[in-house]
Amino acid sequence: MSTKIIRSIIPIAPQQYESSYVNQLARALDNVIEDQRNPLLNIPDMPNVSVASILEEGDLFEDNGFVKIKRASASLVATNVGTTALGTVTVVIS
């Protein structure tokens, strides 16, 4: 895969503009473009869907390999399954 070099799309500022501001803007835009080309994202200790019901609106969580955002309108239910036994059952057929 080749990497194309793209020059800044904002030209050098003419004399009637504050050139230092426009140059800072161009550097900032270059940084955004570079971040988009090479995203580096690491979110340590991201909670999973089992605790999503206690998260606040806007929090991130992992659900089966996908990153999701907790929305206020979403109702997330953590499911607990269990079984139990009590005594015996006798069936009599007459």
Protein backbone atom coordinates (compact mmCIF):
# COMPACT_ATOMS: atom_id res chain seq x y z
CA MET A 1 0.00 0.00 0.00
CA SER A 2 1.50 3.32 -1.00
CA THR A 3 1.19 6.50 1.01
CA LYS A 4 0.47 9.63 -0.95
CA ILE A 5 1.98 12.87 0.23
CA ILE A 6 -0.59 15.62 0.19
CA ARG A 7 0.50 19.19 0.71
CA SER A 8 -1.47 21.49 2.94
CA ILE A 9 -4.63 22.74 1.23
CA ILE A 10 -4.36 26.16 2.88
CA PRO A 11 -1.95 28.43 1.02
CA ILE A 12 0.56 30.84 2.55
CA ALA A 13 -1.30 33.87 3.87
CA PRO A 14 -1.13 37.10 1.89
CA GLN A 15 0.15 40.27 3.59
CA GLN A 16 -3.31 41.59 4.55
CA TYR A 17 -3.95 38.54 6.80
CA GLU A 18 -2.29 37.60 10.07
CA SER A 19 0.13 35.10 8.63
CA SER A 20 1.02 33.43 11.95
CA TYR A 21 -2.65 32.58 12.55
CA VAL A 22 -3.15 31.10 9.10
CA ASN A 23 0.10 29.14 9.41
CA GLN A 24 -1.07 27.73 12.77
CA LEU A 25 -4.39 26.83 11.15
CA ALA A 26 -2.58 25.05 8.33
CA ARG A 27 -0.46 23.06 10.82
CA ALA A 28 -3.56 22.13 12.78
CA LEU A 29 -5.28 20.97 9.60
CA ASP A 30 -2.21 18.93 8.67
CA ASN A 31 -2.39 17.26 12.09
CA VAL A 32 -6.07 16.40 11.61
CA ILE A 33 -5.36 14.92 8.18
CA GLU A 34 -2.47 12.88 9.60
CA ASP A 35 -4.64 11.61 12.46
CA GLN A 36 -7.30 10.51 9.97
CA ARG A 37 -4.73 8.63 7.90
CA ASN A 38 -3.13 6.90 10.89
CA PRO A 39 -5.68 6.55 13.68
CA LEU A 40 -4.20 5.46 16.99
CA LEU A 41 -6.92 4.62 19.45
CA ASN A 42 -6.52 2.72 22.65
CA ILE A 43 -9.21 2.78 25.30
CA PRO A 44 -7.92 0.83 28.28
CA ASP A 45 -10.35 -0.81 30.69
CA MET A 46 -13.44 -0.24 28.53
CA PRO A 47 -16.47 -1.72 30.31
CA ASN A 48 -18.49 -4.41 28.60
CA VAL A 49 -22.22 -4.63 28.00
CA SER A 50 -22.83 -6.41 31.31
CA VAL A 51 -22.38 -3.12 33.21
CA ALA A 52 -23.87 -0.85 30.54
CA SER A 53 -27.05 -0.33 32.56
CA ILE A 54 -25.13 1.61 35.24
CA LEU A 55 -23.16 3.79 32.81
CA GLU A 56 -23.99 7.44 32.22
CA GLU A 57 -25.28 8.84 28.94
CA GLY A 58 -22.42 9.20 26.44
CA ASP A 59 -20.16 6.57 28.03
CA LEU A 60 -18.52 4.00 25.77
CA PHE A 61 -18.82 0.25 26.29
CA GLU A 62 -17.91 -2.92 24.38
CA ASP A 63 -20.60 -5.30 23.15
CA ASN A 64 -19.41 -8.47 21.41
CA GLY A 65 -16.42 -6.76 19.79
CA PHE A 66 -18.21 -3.50 18.93
CA VAL A 67 -17.76 -0.14 20.65
CA LYS A 68 -21.12 1.38 21.54
CA ILE A 69 -22.27 4.62 23.15
CA LYS A 70 -24.78 4.66 25.99
CA ARG A 71 -27.81 6.70 24.96
CA ALA A 72 -30.37 8.12 27.35
CA SER A 73 -33.25 6.54 25.46
CA ALA A 74 -31.66 3.08 25.32
CA SER A 75 -32.78 0.55 27.88
CA LEU A 76 -30.05 -1.97 28.53
CA VAL A 77 -30.95 -5.00 30.56
CA ALA A 78 -28.30 -7.19 32.07
CA THR A 79 -29.55 -10.76 32.09
CA ASN A 80 -28.89 -13.18 34.93
CA VAL A 81 -29.97 -16.78 34.53
CA GLY A 82 -30.13 -19.30 37.32
CA THR A 83 -31.81 -22.54 38.28
CA THR A 84 -32.83 -23.95 41.59
CA ALA A 85 -34.54 -27.03 43.00
CA LEU A 86 -36.76 -27.45 46.01
CA GLY A 87 -38.00 -30.80 47.22
CA THR A 88 -39.35 -33.49 44.91
CA VAL A 89 -42.34 -33.83 42.64
CA THR A 90 -44.41 -37.00 42.60
CA VAL A 91 -46.81 -37.72 39.77
CA VAL A 92 -49.48 -40.34 40.46
CA ILE A 93 -51.62 -41.69 37.64
CA SER A 94 -54.79 -43.56 38.59
